[in-house]
C-alpha atoms as a PDB file:
ATOM      1  CA  UNK A   1     -28.829 -10.603 -52.189  1.00  0.00           C
ATOM      2  CA  UNK A   2     -30.679 -12.625 -49.747  1.00  0.00           C
ATOM      3  CA  UNK A   3     -29.433 -13.273 -46.265  1.00  0.00           C
ATOM      4  CA  UNK A   4     -28.753 -17.050 -45.880  1.00  0.00           C
ATOM      5  CA  UNK A   5     -28.041 -19.053 -42.776  1.00  0.00           C
ATOM      6  CA  UNK A   6     -27.196 -22.553 -42.163  1.00  0.00           C
ATOM      7  CA  UNK A   7     -27.728 -24.453 -38.796  1.00  0.00           C
ATOM      8  CA  UNK A   8     -27.045 -27.966 -38.088  1.00  0.00           C
ATOM      9  CA  UNK A   9     -29.916 -30.135 -36.722  1.00  0.00           C
ATOM     10  CA  UNK A  10     -29.985 -33.672 -35.709  1.00  0.00           C
ATOM     11  CA  UNK A  11     -32.370 -35.990 -37.723  1.00  0.00           C
ATOM     12  CA  UNK A  12     -34.536 -35.970 -34.448  1.00  0.00           C
ATOM     13  CA  UNK A  13     -34.433 -32.388 -34.212  1.00  0.00           C
ATOM     14  CA  UNK A  14     -35.187 -31.895 -38.186  1.00  0.00           C
ATOM     15  CA  UNK A  15     -38.227 -34.154 -37.762  1.00  0.00           C
ATOM     16  CA  UNK A  16     -39.657 -32.263 -34.768  1.00  0.00           C
ATOM     17  CA  UNK A  17     -39.071 -29.139 -36.499  1.00  0.00           C
ATOM     18  CA  UNK A  18     -40.868 -30.289 -39.582  1.00  0.00           C
ATOM     19  CA  UNK A  19     -43.562 -31.913 -37.502  1.00  0.00           C
ATOM     20  CA  UNK A  20     -44.298 -28.647 -35.635  1.00  0.00           C
ATOM     21  CA  UNK A  21     -44.265 -26.711 -38.845  1.00  0.00           C
ATOM     22  CA  UNK A  22     -46.902 -29.126 -40.491  1.00  0.00           C
ATOM     23  CA  UNK A  23     -49.016 -28.707 -37.388  1.00  0.00           C
ATOM     24  CA  UNK A  24     -49.105 -25.202 -37.368  1.00  0.00           C
ATOM     25  CA  UNK A  25     -50.045 -24.983 -41.005  1.00  0.00           C
ATOM     26  CA  UNK A  26     -52.734 -27.540 -40.588  1.00  0.00           C
ATOM     27  CA  UNK A  27     -54.193 -25.545 -37.443  1.00  0.00           C
ATOM     28  CA  UNK A  28     -54.250 -22.314 -39.164  1.00  0.00           C
ATOM     29  CA  UNK A  29     -55.823 -23.893 -42.278  1.00  0.00           C
ATOM     30  CA  UNK A  30     -58.574 -25.634 -40.177  1.00  0.00           C
ATOM     31  CA  UNK A  31     -59.164 -22.188 -38.320  1.00  0.00           C
ATOM     32  CA  UNK A  32     -59.699 -20.394 -41.594  1.00  0.00           C
ATOM     33  CA  UNK A  33     -61.701 -23.138 -42.975  1.00  0.00           C
ATOM     34  CA  UNK A  34     -64.055 -23.158 -39.696  1.00  0.00           C
ATOM     35  CA  UNK A  35     -64.345 -19.365 -39.922  1.00  0.00           C
ATOM     36  CA  UNK A  36     -65.461 -19.454 -43.457  1.00  0.00           C
ATOM     37  CA  UNK A  37     -67.989 -22.394 -42.976  1.00  0.00           C
ATOM     38  CA  UNK A  38     -69.628 -20.650 -39.818  1.00  0.00           C
ATOM     39  CA  UNK A  39     -73.303 -21.273 -40.238  1.00  0.00           C
ATOM     40  CA  UNK A  40     -74.809 -18.805 -37.801  1.00  0.00           C
ATOM     41  CA  UNK A  41     -73.829 -15.381 -38.414  1.00  0.00           C
ATOM     42  CA  UNK A  42     -74.274 -12.030 -36.365  1.00  0.00           C
ATOM     43  CA  UNK A  43     -75.579  -8.967 -37.878  1.00  0.00           C
ATOM     44  CA  UNK A  44     -72.108  -7.425 -38.629  1.00  0.00           C
ATOM     45  CA  UNK A  45     -70.694 -10.723 -40.129  1.00  0.00           C
ATOM     46  CA  UNK A  46     -73.843 -10.759 -42.367  1.00  0.00           C
ATOM     47  CA  UNK A  47     -73.407  -7.182 -43.228  1.00  0.00           C
ATOM     48  CA  UNK A  48     -69.691  -7.781 -44.184  1.00  0.00           C
ATOM     49  CA  UNK A  49     -70.564 -11.020 -46.043  1.00  0.00           C
ATOM     50  CA  UNK A  50     -73.108  -9.092 -48.251  1.00  0.00           C
ATOM     51  CA  UNK A  51     -71.025  -5.995 -48.374  1.00  0.00           C
ATOM     52  CA  UNK A  52     -73.675  -3.627 -47.081  1.00  0.00           C
ATOM     53  CA  UNK A  53     -73.899  -1.337 -43.998  1.00  0.00           C
ATOM     54  CA  UNK A  54     -75.288  -2.961 -40.897  1.00  0.00           C
ATOM     55  CA  UNK A  55     -77.944  -0.151 -41.169  1.00  0.00           C
ATOM     56  CA  UNK A  56     -79.255  -1.632 -44.504  1.00  0.00           C
ATOM     57  CA  UNK A  57     -79.327  -5.019 -43.073  1.00  0.00           C
ATOM     58  CA  UNK A  58     -81.580  -3.774 -40.208  1.00  0.00           C
ATOM     59  CA  UNK A  59     -83.915  -2.118 -42.923  1.00  0.00           C
ATOM     60  CA  UNK A  60     -83.981  -5.460 -44.660  1.00  0.00           C
ATOM     61  CA  UNK A  61     -85.240  -7.284 -41.433  1.00  0.00           C
ATOM     62  CA  UNK A  62     -87.479  -4.528 -40.482  1.00  0.00           C
ATOM     63  CA  UNK A  63     -89.269  -5.022 -43.932  1.00  0.00           C
ATOM     64  CA  UNK A  64     -89.084  -8.872 -43.490  1.00  0.00           C
ATOM     65  CA  UNK A  65     -87.284  -9.010 -46.810  1.00  0.00           C
ATOM     66  CA  UNK A  66     -84.329 -11.139 -45.518  1.00  0.00           C
ATOM     67  CA  UNK A  67     -84.529 -14.381 -43.391  1.00  0.00           C
ATOM     68  CA  UNK A  68     -83.314 -13.934 -39.889  1.00  0.00           C
ATOM     69  CA  UNK A  69     -83.471 -15.262 -36.326  1.00  0.00           C
ATOM     70  CA  UNK A  70     -84.224 -12.825 -33.553  1.00  0.00           C
ATOM     71  CA  UNK A  71     -83.096 -14.217 -30.030  1.00  0.00           C
ATOM     72  CA  UNK A  72     -83.680 -11.584 -27.410  1.00  0.00           C
ATOM     73  CA  UNK A  73     -82.509  -8.181 -28.766  1.00  0.00           C
ATOM     74  CA  UNK A  74     -80.027  -9.981 -31.087  1.00  0.00           C
ATOM     75  CA  UNK A  75     -80.441 -10.708 -34.687  1.00  0.00           C
ATOM     76  CA  UNK A  76     -78.818 -13.869 -36.359  1.00  0.00           C
ATOM     77  CA  UNK A  77     -78.689 -14.941 -39.831  1.00  0.00           C
ATOM     78  CA  UNK A  78     -78.157 -18.447 -41.296  1.00  0.00           C
ATOM     79  CA  UNK A  79     -75.717 -18.757 -43.849  1.00  0.00           C
ATOM     80  CA  UNK A  80     -77.523 -21.169 -46.023  1.00  0.00           C
ATOM     81  CA  UNK A  81     -80.761 -19.110 -45.746  1.00  0.00           C
ATOM     82  CA  UNK A  82     -78.819 -16.012 -46.884  1.00  0.00           C
ATOM     83  CA  UNK A  83     -77.422 -17.805 -49.955  1.00  0.00           C
ATOM     84  CA  UNK A  84     -80.714 -19.012 -51.015  1.00  0.00           C
ATOM     85  CA  UNK A  85     -82.050 -15.524 -50.503  1.00  0.00           C
ATOM     86  CA  UNK A  86     -79.257 -14.219 -52.710  1.00  0.00           C
ATOM     87  CA  UNK A  87     -79.554 -17.177 -55.065  1.00  0.00           C
ATOM     88  CA  UNK A  88     -83.469 -16.447 -55.446  1.00  0.00           C
ATOM     89  CA  UNK A  89     -82.906 -13.080 -56.711  1.00  0.00           C
ATOM     90  CA  UNK A  90     -85.074 -11.293 -53.980  1.00  0.00           C
ATOM     91  CA  UNK A  91     -85.211  -7.824 -54.366  1.00  0.00           C
ATOM     92  CA  UNK A  92     -86.308  -5.215 -51.883  1.00  0.00           C
ATOM     93  CA  UNK A  93     -89.818  -3.954 -52.747  1.00  0.00           C
ATOM     94  CA  UNK A  94     -90.787  -0.536 -51.706  1.00  0.00           C
END
């Protein structure tokens, strides 16, 4: 049996509780959406997105078989370019 409890709230308190709950849900939903729609990915994020090891991704970049951006010593990837690369069926040639 589940534990149940009852509390009394005024109409104003109930509205405030409801408003805060909806606000929290919307904010968490927006954070998830922003994270999933991030356009520029780091090497680790791209490796996770492709479900490959970061070392494998380094190999793809050194062979120039995957689109990437190099800024200083850091590698970045555009999500849209990675999706195009995947959709094109590019294969690593050895």
